[in-house]
Every structure is written in structure tokens, then in C-alpha cells.
Amino acid sequence: MAFVVLAMSQLFHAFNQRSNTESIFSTGNGHNKSLFGAILTSFAIIAILLFVPFMRNIFNLTILKPIEWGITVVLSMLPLVLVEITKFMKRKFKLKFI
């Protein structure tokens, strides 16, 4: 579970890095096709590691239960949410130091 959270949180966080001040929802989503391709490829690699028994055994991973998937998704999206809150605060209060 820790492996999936760490890997997926970095993929979600990549969307935040497109702008230090603008929300990911306000920036155009179709401009960086390379980023989307890299993220989709990374998700595919994670899926292969998790769902192909041979690869799962090499990395000593287990199949996650539905509740664990829910926890994993929430924890993986946490950096995205926290950075969006920070960006909002920067815009609202015109902060320069964060």
C-alpha cells in the first residue's frame, strides 16, 4: 500500500508543478501532452506491477482490498489538495513567501 501511495502521489503532484500560483483547474489541460503521456505510462507500469502475478512477486507486493484502494486514492491525492490550498492562499492574500 505504501508503494502505491508514494508512486501515485508523485504522479498527481506532477499536475501541481505546472504553475506555482494558478490552480490546476484554471490552467489549460491539453497543453502538455508529454506530461499526460508520461503519467499514463507511469500508471500503466504501476498497474503491471500490481496486477501481473510474476511482477507482483518480484516486488513482494500484495493485492489491495477495496477499502485499501480507497485509502490509497485519498492519501495519494493529499499533496494535490494541500498544494491547491496553498496556491489559493497565495492568490487570495497575495503572499510571496510560500
PDB file of N, CA and C in Angstrom:
ATOM      1  N   MET A   1       0.826  -1.188   0.000  1.00  0.00           N
ATOM      2  CA  MET A   1       0.000   0.000   0.000  1.00  0.00           C
ATOM      3  C   MET A   1       0.873   1.256   0.000  1.00  0.00           C
ATOM      4  N   ALA A   2       1.958   1.233   0.763  1.00  0.00           N
ATOM      5  CA  ALA A   2       2.850   2.395   0.823  1.00  0.00           C
ATOM      6  C   ALA A   2       3.474   2.664  -0.546  1.00  0.00           C
ATOM      7  N   PHE A   3       3.859   1.627  -1.253  1.00  0.00           N
ATOM      8  CA  PHE A   3       4.440   1.787  -2.584  1.00  0.00           C
ATOM      9  C   PHE A   3       3.463   2.496  -3.518  1.00  0.00           C
ATOM     10  N   VAL A   4       2.219   2.069  -3.518  1.00  0.00           N
ATOM     11  CA  VAL A   4       1.216   2.648  -4.413  1.00  0.00           C
ATOM     12  C   VAL A   4       0.939   4.098  -4.027  1.00  0.00           C
ATOM     13  N   VAL A   5       0.831   4.395  -2.744  1.00  0.00           N
ATOM     14  CA  VAL A   5       0.577   5.766  -2.300  1.00  0.00           C
ATOM     15  C   VAL A   5       1.721   6.679  -2.727  1.00  0.00           C
ATOM     16  N   LEU A   6       2.948   6.247  -2.492  1.00  0.00           N
ATOM     17  CA  LEU A   6       4.100   7.080  -2.855  1.00  0.00           C
ATOM     18  C   LEU A   6       4.178   7.292  -4.358  1.00  0.00           C
ATOM     19  N   ALA A   7       3.973   6.242  -5.127  1.00  0.00           N
ATOM     20  CA  ALA A   7       4.069   6.357  -6.583  1.00  0.00           C
ATOM     21  C   ALA A   7       2.950   7.228  -7.145  1.00  0.00           C
ATOM     22  N   MET A   8       1.728   6.971  -6.715  1.00  0.00           N
ATOM     23  CA  MET A   8       0.593   7.716  -7.261  1.00  0.00           C
ATOM     24  C   MET A   8       0.574   9.169  -6.791  1.00  0.00           C
ATOM     25  N   SER A   9       1.007   9.424  -5.569  1.00  0.00           N
ATOM     26  CA  SER A   9       1.005  10.808  -5.082  1.00  0.00           C
ATOM     27  C   SER A   9       1.975  11.660  -5.898  1.00  0.00           C
ATOM     28  N   GLN A  10       3.080  11.088  -6.326  1.00  0.00           N
ATOM     29  CA  GLN A  10       4.012  11.838  -7.153  1.00  0.00           C
ATOM     30  C   GLN A  10       3.432  12.119  -8.534  1.00  0.00           C
ATOM     31  N   LEU A  11       2.650  11.190  -9.048  1.00  0.00           N
ATOM     32  CA  LEU A  11       2.014  11.408 -10.350  1.00  0.00           C
ATOM     33  C   LEU A  11       0.960  12.504 -10.262  1.00  0.00           C
ATOM     34  N   PHE A  12       0.146  12.488  -9.217  1.00  0.00           N
ATOM     35  CA  PHE A  12      -0.851  13.544  -9.035  1.00  0.00           C
ATOM     36  C   PHE A  12      -0.176  14.890  -8.786  1.00  0.00           C
ATOM     37  N   HIS A  13       0.906  14.861  -8.041  1.00  0.00           N
ATOM     38  CA  HIS A  13       1.615  16.096  -7.703  1.00  0.00           C
ATOM     39  C   HIS A  13       2.257  16.727  -8.948  1.00  0.00           C
ATOM     40  N   ALA A  14       2.553  15.935  -9.950  1.00  0.00           N
ATOM     41  CA  ALA A  14       3.130  16.474 -11.185  1.00  0.00           C
ATOM     42  C   ALA A  14       2.201  17.509 -11.821  1.00  0.00           C
ATOM     43  N   PHE A  15       0.900  17.327 -11.675  1.00  0.00           N
ATOM     44  CA  PHE A  15      -0.040  18.310 -12.207  1.00  0.00           C
ATOM     45  C   PHE A  15       0.102  19.655 -11.497  1.00  0.00           C
ATOM     46  N   ASN A  16       0.423  19.632 -10.211  1.00  0.00           N
ATOM     47  CA  ASN A  16       0.597  20.870  -9.454  1.00  0.00           C
ATOM     48  C   ASN A  16       1.794  21.672  -9.926  1.00  0.00           C
ATOM     49  N   GLN A  17       2.785  21.008 -10.448  1.00  0.00           N
ATOM     50  CA  GLN A  17       4.040  21.672 -10.770  1.00  0.00           C
ATOM     51  C   GLN A  17       3.994  22.464 -12.068  1.00  0.00           C
ATOM     52  N   ARG A  18       2.861  22.444 -12.732  1.00  0.00           N
ATOM     53  CA  ARG A  18       2.748  23.210 -13.970  1.00  0.00           C
ATOM     54  C   ARG A  18       2.683  24.708 -13.698  1.00  0.00           C
ATOM     55  N   SER A  19       2.209  25.098 -12.508  1.00  0.00           N
ATOM     56  CA  SER A  19       2.154  26.509 -12.134  1.00  0.00           C
ATOM     57  C   SER A  19       2.289  26.627 -10.624  1.00  0.00           C
ATOM     58  N   ASN A  20       3.028  27.657 -10.195  1.00  0.00           N
ATOM     59  CA  ASN A  20       3.198  27.880  -8.755  1.00  0.00           C
ATOM     60  C   ASN A  20       2.065  28.690  -8.145  1.00  0.00           C
ATOM     61  N   THR A  21       1.273  29.340  -8.992  1.00  0.00           N
ATOM     62  CA  THR A  21       0.219  30.195  -8.458  1.00  0.00           C
ATOM     63  C   THR A  21      -1.168  29.833  -8.979  1.00  0.00           C
ATOM     64  N   GLU A  22      -1.274  29.379 -10.207  1.00  0.00           N
ATOM     65  CA  GLU A  22      -2.572  29.078 -10.794  1.00  0.00           C
ATOM     66  C   GLU A  22      -3.028  27.664 -10.441  1.00  0.00           C
ATOM     67  N   SER A  23      -4.316  27.524 -10.250  1.00  0.00           N
ATOM     68  CA  SER A  23      -4.902  26.233  -9.931  1.00  0.00           C
ATOM     69  C   SER A  23      -4.794  25.294 -11.130  1.00  0.00           C
ATOM     70  N   ILE A  24      -4.755  23.997 -10.858  1.00  0.00           N
ATOM     71  CA  ILE A  24      -4.718  23.041 -11.962  1.00  0.00           C
ATOM     72  C   ILE A  24      -6.029  23.058 -12.733  1.00  0.00           C
ATOM     73  N   PHE A  25      -7.078  23.552 -12.108  1.00  0.00           N
ATOM     74  CA  PHE A  25      -8.375  23.604 -12.758  1.00  0.00           C
ATOM     75  C   PHE A  25      -8.512  24.823 -13.666  1.00  0.00           C
ATOM     76  N   SER A  26      -7.674  25.836 -13.466  1.00  0.00           N
ATOM     77  CA  SER A  26      -7.759  27.032 -14.294  1.00  0.00           C
ATOM     78  C   SER A  26      -6.780  26.999 -15.461  1.00  0.00           C
ATOM     79  N   THR A  27      -5.724  26.203 -15.355  1.00  0.00           N
ATOM     80  CA  THR A  27      -4.774  26.115 -16.454  1.00  0.00           C
ATOM     81  C   THR A  27      -5.321  25.170 -17.507  1.00  0.00           C
ATOM     82  N   GLY A  28      -4.937  25.386 -18.736  1.00  0.00           N
ATOM     83  CA  GLY A  28      -5.384  24.525 -19.826  1.00  0.00           C
ATOM     84  C   GLY A  28      -4.857  23.113 -19.656  1.00  0.00           C
ATOM     85  N   ASN A  29      -5.719  22.135 -19.836  1.00  0.00           N
ATOM     86  CA  ASN A  29      -5.308  20.760 -19.607  1.00  0.00           C
ATOM     87  C   ASN A  29      -4.703  20.079 -20.830  1.00  0.00           C
ATOM     88  N   GLY A  30      -4.809  20.656 -21.997  1.00  0.00           N
ATOM     89  CA  GLY A  30      -4.320  19.968 -23.179  1.00  0.00           C
ATOM     90  C   GLY A  30      -2.977  20.454 -23.673  1.00  0.00           C
ATOM     91  N   HIS A  31      -2.310  21.310 -22.932  1.00  0.00           N
ATOM     92  CA  HIS A  31      -1.089  21.922 -23.434  1.00  0.00           C
ATOM     93  C   HIS A  31       0.143  21.030 -23.324  1.00  0.00           C
ATOM     94  N   ASN A  32       0.213  20.209 -22.337  1.00  0.00           N
ATOM     95  CA  ASN A  32       1.427  19.418 -22.134  1.00  0.00           C
ATOM     96  C   ASN A  32       1.124  17.936 -22.366  1.00  0.00           C
ATOM     97  N   LYS A  33       1.105  17.569 -23.619  1.00  0.00           N
ATOM     98  CA  LYS A  33       0.782  16.188 -23.967  1.00  0.00           C
ATOM     99  C   LYS A  33       1.864  15.214 -23.492  1.00  0.00           C
ATOM    100  N   SER A  34       3.094  15.661 -23.413  1.00  0.00           N
ATOM    101  CA  SER A  34       4.181  14.808 -22.917  1.00  0.00           C
ATOM    102  C   SER A  34       3.961  14.439 -21.450  1.00  0.00           C
ATOM    103  N   LEU A  35       3.498  15.413 -20.666  1.00  0.00           N
ATOM    104  CA  LEU A  35       3.218  15.141 -19.254  1.00  0.00           C
ATOM    105  C   LEU A  35       2.121  14.103 -19.117  1.00  0.00           C
ATOM    106  N   PHE A  36       1.046  14.264 -19.878  1.00  0.00           N
ATOM    107  CA  PHE A  36      -0.056  13.297 -19.812  1.00  0.00           C
ATOM    108  C   PHE A  36       0.409  11.915 -20.253  1.00  0.00           C
ATOM    109  N   GLY A  37       1.220  11.868 -21.287  1.00  0.00           N
ATOM    110  CA  GLY A  37       1.747  10.582 -21.752  1.00  0.00           C
ATOM    111  C   GLY A  37       2.622   9.914 -20.703  1.00  0.00           C
ATOM    112  N   ALA A  38       3.463  10.705 -20.054  1.00  0.00           N
ATOM    113  CA  ALA A  38       4.343  10.158 -19.016  1.00  0.00           C
ATOM    114  C   ALA A  38       3.534   9.659 -17.821  1.00  0.00           C
ATOM    115  N   ILE A  39       2.503  10.397 -17.450  1.00  0.00           N
ATOM    116  CA  ILE A  39       1.679   9.990 -16.310  1.00  0.00           C
ATOM    117  C   ILE A  39       0.890   8.730 -16.641  1.00  0.00           C
ATOM    118  N   LEU A  40       0.324   8.660 -17.832  1.00  0.00           N
ATOM    119  CA  LEU A  40      -0.401   7.446 -18.232  1.00  0.00           C
ATOM    120  C   LEU A  40       0.526   6.238 -18.297  1.00  0.00           C
ATOM    121  N   THR A  41       1.719   6.444 -18.820  1.00  0.00           N
ATOM    122  CA  THR A  41       2.704   5.354 -18.865  1.00  0.00           C
ATOM    123  C   THR A  41       3.071   4.904 -17.459  1.00  0.00           C
ATOM    124  N   SER A  42       3.250   5.854 -16.559  1.00  0.00           N
ATOM    125  CA  SER A  42       3.591   5.516 -15.181  1.00  0.00           C
ATOM    126  C   SER A  42       2.466   4.755 -14.491  1.00  0.00           C
ATOM    127  N   PHE A  43       1.225   5.186 -14.718  1.00  0.00           N
ATOM    128  CA  PHE A  43       0.086   4.455 -14.166  1.00  0.00           C
ATOM    129  C   PHE A  43       0.040   3.032 -14.715  1.00  0.00           C
ATOM    130  N   ALA A  44       0.341   2.887 -15.995  1.00  0.00           N
ATOM    131  CA  ALA A  44       0.349   1.550 -16.609  1.00  0.00           C
ATOM    132  C   ALA A  44       1.427   0.674 -15.973  1.00  0.00           C
ATOM    133  N   ILE A  45       2.585   1.236 -15.716  1.00  0.00           N
ATOM    134  CA  ILE A  45       3.665   0.470 -15.077  1.00  0.00           C
ATOM    135  C   ILE A  45       3.263   0.059 -13.666  1.00  0.00           C
ATOM    136  N   ILE A  46       2.653   0.975 -12.930  1.00  0.00           N
ATOM    137  CA  ILE A  46       2.184   0.641 -11.574  1.00  0.00           C
ATOM    138  C   ILE A  46       1.146  -0.473 -11.646  1.00  0.00           C
ATOM    139  N   ALA A  47       0.225  -0.381 -12.601  1.00  0.00           N
ATOM    140  CA  ALA A  47      -0.802  -1.418 -12.756  1.00  0.00           C
ATOM    141  C   ALA A  47      -0.172  -2.766 -13.085  1.00  0.00           C
ATOM    142  N   ILE A  48       0.820  -2.772 -13.951  1.00  0.00           N
ATOM    143  CA  ILE A  48       1.505  -4.026 -14.289  1.00  0.00           C
ATOM    144  C   ILE A  48       2.163  -4.610 -13.044  1.00  0.00           C
ATOM    145  N   LEU A  49       2.820  -3.761 -12.267  1.00  0.00           N
ATOM    146  CA  LEU A  49       3.476  -4.250 -11.050  1.00  0.00           C
ATOM    147  C   LEU A  49       2.475  -4.820 -10.052  1.00  0.00           C
ATOM    148  N   LEU A  50       1.290  -4.248 -10.001  1.00  0.00           N
ATOM    149  CA  LEU A  50       0.295  -4.688  -9.029  1.00  0.00           C
ATOM    150  C   LEU A  50      -0.532  -5.882  -9.482  1.00  0.00           C
ATOM    151  N   PHE A  51      -0.816  -5.975 -10.775  1.00  0.00           N
ATOM    152  CA  PHE A  51      -1.786  -6.963 -11.233  1.00  0.00           C
ATOM    153  C   PHE A  51      -1.189  -8.160 -11.968  1.00  0.00           C
ATOM    154  N   VAL A  52       0.052  -8.082 -12.392  1.00  0.00           N
ATOM    155  CA  VAL A  52       0.697  -9.237 -13.029  1.00  0.00           C
ATOM    156  C   VAL A  52       1.399 -10.034 -11.933  1.00  0.00           C
ATOM    157  N   PRO A  53       0.951 -11.278 -11.716  1.00  0.00           N
ATOM    158  CA  PRO A  53       1.485 -12.058 -10.591  1.00  0.00           C
ATOM    159  C   PRO A  53       3.016 -12.184 -10.578  1.00  0.00           C
ATOM    160  N   PHE A  54       3.613 -12.381 -11.720  1.00  0.00           N
ATOM    161  CA  PHE A  54       5.074 -12.513 -11.781  1.00  0.00           C
ATOM    162  C   PHE A  54       5.754 -11.243 -11.268  1.00  0.00           C
ATOM    163  N   MET A  55       5.297 -10.105 -11.729  1.00  0.00           N
ATOM    164  CA  MET A  55       5.893  -8.833 -11.304  1.00  0.00           C
ATOM    165  C   MET A  55       5.569  -8.540  -9.839  1.00  0.00           C
ATOM    166  N   ARG A  56       4.353  -8.857  -9.431  1.00  0.00           N
ATOM    167  CA  ARG A  56       3.960  -8.640  -8.034  1.00  0.00           C
ATOM    168  C   ARG A  56       4.852  -9.436  -7.096  1.00  0.00           C
ATOM    169  N   ASN A  57       5.210 -10.662  -7.497  1.00  0.00           N
ATOM    170  CA  ASN A  57       6.080 -11.496  -6.657  1.00  0.00           C
ATOM    171  C   ASN A  57       7.504 -10.957  -6.615  1.00  0.00           C
ATOM    172  N   ILE A  58       7.986 -10.432  -7.722  1.00  0.00           N
ATOM    173  CA  ILE A  58       9.348  -9.875  -7.742  1.00  0.00           C
ATOM    174  C   ILE A  58       9.466  -8.718  -6.757  1.00  0.00           C
ATOM    175  N   PHE A  59       8.454  -7.864  -6.741  1.00  0.00           N
ATOM    176  CA  PHE A  59       8.481  -6.689  -5.874  1.00  0.00           C
ATOM    177  C   PHE A  59       7.849  -6.951  -4.509  1.00  0.00           C
ATOM    178  N   ASN A  60       7.425  -8.184  -4.276  1.00  0.00           N
ATOM    179  CA  ASN A  60       6.851  -8.586  -2.998  1.00  0.00           C
ATOM    180  C   ASN A  60       5.655  -7.706  -2.610  1.00  0.00           C
ATOM    181  N   LEU A  61       4.741  -7.503  -3.582  1.00  0.00           N
ATOM    182  CA  LEU A  61       3.547  -6.703  -3.356  1.00  0.00           C
ATOM    183  C   LEU A  61       2.352  -7.616  -3.140  1.00  0.00           C
ATOM    184  N   THR A  62       1.308  -7.087  -2.539  1.00  0.00           N
ATOM    185  CA  THR A  62       0.076  -7.846  -2.341  1.00  0.00           C
ATOM    186  C   THR A  62      -1.066  -7.124  -3.048  1.00  0.00           C
ATOM    187  N   ILE A  63      -2.136  -7.845  -3.301  1.00  0.00           N
ATOM    188  CA  ILE A  63      -3.315  -7.256  -3.908  1.00  0.00           C
ATOM    189  C   ILE A  63      -4.041  -6.443  -2.837  1.00  0.00           C
ATOM    190  N   LEU A  64      -4.411  -5.232  -3.196  1.00  0.00           N
ATOM    191  CA  LEU A  64      -5.093  -4.361  -2.241  1.00  0.00           C
ATOM    192  C   LEU A  64      -6.588  -4.666  -2.224  1.00  0.00           C
ATOM    193  N   LYS A  65      -7.164  -4.609  -1.039  1.00  0.00           N
ATOM    194  CA  LYS A  65      -8.613  -4.763  -0.874  1.00  0.00           C
ATOM    195  C   LYS A  65      -9.290  -3.458  -1.260  1.00  0.00           C
ATOM    196  N   PRO A  66     -10.584  -3.486  -1.538  1.00  0.00           N
ATOM    197  CA  PRO A  66     -11.281  -2.247  -1.934  1.00  0.00           C
ATOM    198  C   PRO A  66     -11.119  -1.101  -0.943  1.00  0.00           C
ATOM    199  N   ILE A  67     -11.192  -1.373   0.341  1.00  0.00           N
ATOM    200  CA  ILE A  67     -11.028  -0.309   1.329  1.00  0.00           C
ATOM    201  C   ILE A  67      -9.610   0.260   1.277  1.00  0.00           C
ATOM    202  N   GLU A  68      -8.635  -0.594   1.024  1.00  0.00           N
ATOM    203  CA  GLU A  68      -7.249  -0.135   0.911  1.00  0.00           C
ATOM    204  C   GLU A  68      -7.062   0.721  -0.341  1.00  0.00           C
ATOM    205  N   TRP A  69      -7.771   0.384  -1.421  1.00  0.00           N
ATOM    206  CA  TRP A  69      -7.724   1.215  -2.619  1.00  0.00           C
ATOM    207  C   TRP A  69      -8.293   2.600  -2.324  1.00  0.00           C
ATOM    208  N   GLY A  70      -9.366   2.653  -1.568  1.00  0.00           N
ATOM    209  CA  GLY A  70      -9.951   3.944  -1.211  1.00  0.00           C
ATOM    210  C   GLY A  70      -8.986   4.793  -0.396  1.00  0.00           C
ATOM    211  N   ILE A  71      -8.371   4.170   0.589  1.00  0.00           N
ATOM    212  CA  ILE A  71      -7.385   4.872   1.415  1.00  0.00           C
ATOM    213  C   ILE A  71      -6.213   5.326   0.556  1.00  0.00           C
ATOM    214  N   THR A  72      -5.777   4.477  -0.349  1.00  0.00           N
ATOM    215  CA  THR A  72      -4.650   4.784  -1.228  1.00  0.00           C
ATOM    216  C   THR A  72      -4.953   5.993  -2.104  1.00  0.00           C
ATOM    217  N   VAL A  73      -6.137   6.035  -2.684  1.00  0.00           N
ATOM    218  CA  VAL A  73      -6.505   7.161  -3.550  1.00  0.00           C
ATOM    219  C   VAL A  73      -6.578   8.461  -2.748  1.00  0.00           C
ATOM    220  N   VAL A  74      -7.178   8.400  -1.570  1.00  0.00           N
ATOM    221  CA  VAL A  74      -7.288   9.607  -0.738  1.00  0.00           C
ATOM    222  C   VAL A  74      -5.906  10.102  -0.335  1.00  0.00           C
ATOM    223  N   LEU A  75      -5.050   9.220   0.132  1.00  0.00           N
ATOM    224  CA  LEU A  75      -3.707   9.627   0.545  1.00  0.00           C
ATOM    225  C   LEU A  75      -2.871  10.104  -0.634  1.00  0.00           C
ATOM    226  N   SER A  76      -3.075   9.495  -1.797  1.00  0.00           N
ATOM    227  CA  SER A  76      -2.319   9.894  -2.981  1.00  0.00           C
ATOM    228  C   SER A  76      -2.701  11.282  -3.461  1.00  0.00           C
ATOM    229  N   MET A  77      -3.947  11.659  -3.256  1.00  0.00           N
ATOM    230  CA  MET A  77      -4.404  12.965  -3.705  1.00  0.00           C
ATOM    231  C   MET A  77      -4.160  14.066  -2.675  1.00  0.00           C
ATOM    232  N   LEU A  78      -3.712  13.696  -1.496  1.00  0.00           N
ATOM    233  CA  LEU A  78      -3.472  14.673  -0.438  1.00  0.00           C
ATOM    234  C   LEU A  78      -2.483  15.769  -0.844  1.00  0.00           C
ATOM    235  N   PRO A  79      -1.323  15.446  -1.460  1.00  0.00           N
ATOM    236  CA  PRO A  79      -0.427  16.539  -1.879  1.00  0.00           C
ATOM    237  C   PRO A  79      -1.086  17.486  -2.874  1.00  0.00           C
ATOM    238  N   LEU A  80      -1.883  16.958  -3.768  1.00  0.00           N
ATOM    239  CA  LEU A  80      -2.589  17.777  -4.744  1.00  0.00           C
ATOM    240  C   LEU A  80      -3.507  18.764  -4.033  1.00  0.00           C
ATOM    241  N   VAL A  81      -4.260  18.296  -3.070  1.00  0.00           N
ATOM    242  CA  VAL A  81      -5.205  19.144  -2.326  1.00  0.00           C
ATOM    243  C   VAL A  81      -4.463  20.190  -1.503  1.00  0.00           C
ATOM    244  N   LEU A  82      -3.402  19.775  -0.825  1.00  0.00           N
ATOM    245  CA  LEU A  82      -2.665  20.712   0.024  1.00  0.00           C
ATOM    246  C   LEU A  82      -1.989  21.807  -0.788  1.00  0.00           C
ATOM    247  N   VAL A  83      -1.431  21.452  -1.927  1.00  0.00           N
ATOM    248  CA  VAL A  83      -0.801  22.460  -2.773  1.00  0.00           C
ATOM    249  C   VAL A  83      -1.847  23.400  -3.362  1.00  0.00           C
ATOM    250  N   GLU A  84      -3.012  22.864  -3.726  1.00  0.00           N
ATOM    251  CA  GLU A  84      -4.081  23.726  -4.238  1.00  0.00           C
ATOM    252  C   GLU A  84      -4.546  24.712  -3.169  1.00  0.00           C
ATOM    253  N   ILE A  85      -4.616  24.283  -1.923  1.00  0.00           N
ATOM    254  CA  ILE A  85      -4.977  25.194  -0.824  1.00  0.00           C
ATOM    255  C   ILE A  85      -3.913  26.272  -0.671  1.00  0.00           C
ATOM    256  N   THR A  86      -2.654  25.881  -0.772  1.00  0.00           N
ATOM    257  CA  THR A  86      -1.554  26.845  -0.673  1.00  0.00           C
ATOM    258  C   THR A  86      -1.620  27.856  -1.806  1.00  0.00           C
ATOM    259  N   LYS A  87      -1.875  27.383  -3.019  1.00  0.00           N
ATOM    260  CA  LYS A  87      -1.994  28.298  -4.160  1.00  0.00           C
ATOM    261  C   LYS A  87      -3.160  29.261  -3.966  1.00  0.00           C
ATOM    262  N   PHE A  88      -4.266  28.754  -3.446  1.00  0.00           N
ATOM    263  CA  PHE A  88      -5.425  29.604  -3.189  1.00  0.00           C
ATOM    264  C   PHE A  88      -5.067  30.699  -2.190  1.00  0.00           C
ATOM    265  N   MET A  89      -4.375  30.315  -1.133  1.00  0.00           N
ATOM    266  CA  MET A  89      -3.976  31.292  -0.108  1.00  0.00           C
ATOM    267  C   MET A  89      -3.022  32.328  -0.702  1.00  0.00           C
ATOM    268  N   LYS A  90      -2.122  31.879  -1.561  1.00  0.00           N
ATOM    269  CA  LYS A  90      -1.196  32.816  -2.199  1.00  0.00           C
ATOM    270  C   LYS A  90      -1.953  33.830  -3.047  1.00  0.00           C
ATOM    271  N   ARG A  91      -2.928  33.359  -3.801  1.00  0.00           N
ATOM    272  CA  ARG A  91      -3.698  34.263  -4.654  1.00  0.00           C
ATOM    273  C   ARG A  91      -4.580  35.192  -3.829  1.00  0.00           C
ATOM    274  N   LYS A  92      -5.237  34.650  -2.827  1.00  0.00           N
ATOM    275  CA  LYS A  92      -6.191  35.437  -2.030  1.00  0.00           C
ATOM    276  C   LYS A  92      -5.488  36.528  -1.225  1.00  0.00           C
ATOM    277  N   PHE A  93      -4.381  36.182  -0.601  1.00  0.00           N
ATOM    278  CA  PHE A  93      -3.695  37.137   0.269  1.00  0.00           C
ATOM    279  C   PHE A  93      -2.453  37.735  -0.370  1.00  0.00           C
ATOM    280  N   LYS A  94      -2.222  37.395  -1.641  1.00  0.00           N
ATOM    281  CA  LYS A  94      -1.080  37.904  -2.401  1.00  0.00           C
ATOM    282  C   LYS A  94       0.234  37.682  -1.652  1.00  0.00           C
ATOM    283  N   LEU A  95       0.392  36.469  -1.165  1.00  0.00           N
ATOM    284  CA  LEU A  95       1.597  36.093  -0.425  1.00  0.00           C
ATOM    285  C   LEU A  95       2.718  35.788  -1.393  1.00  0.00           C
ATOM    286  N   LYS A  96       3.933  36.174  -1.044  1.00  0.00           N
ATOM    287  CA  LYS A  96       5.103  35.945  -1.900  1.00  0.00           C
ATOM    288  C   LYS A  96       6.047  34.914  -1.302  1.00  0.00           C
ATOM    289  N   PHE A  97       5.952  34.639  -0.021  1.00  0.00           N
ATOM    290  CA  PHE A  97       6.936  33.803   0.658  1.00  0.00           C
ATOM    291  C   PHE A  97       6.620  32.332   0.653  1.00  0.00           C
ATOM    292  N   ILE A  98       5.425  31.905   0.265  1.00  0.00           N
ATOM    293  CA  ILE A  98       5.088  30.479   0.286  1.00  0.00           C
ATOM    294  C   ILE A  98       5.410  29.883  -1.052  1.00  0.00           C
TER     295      ILE A  98
END
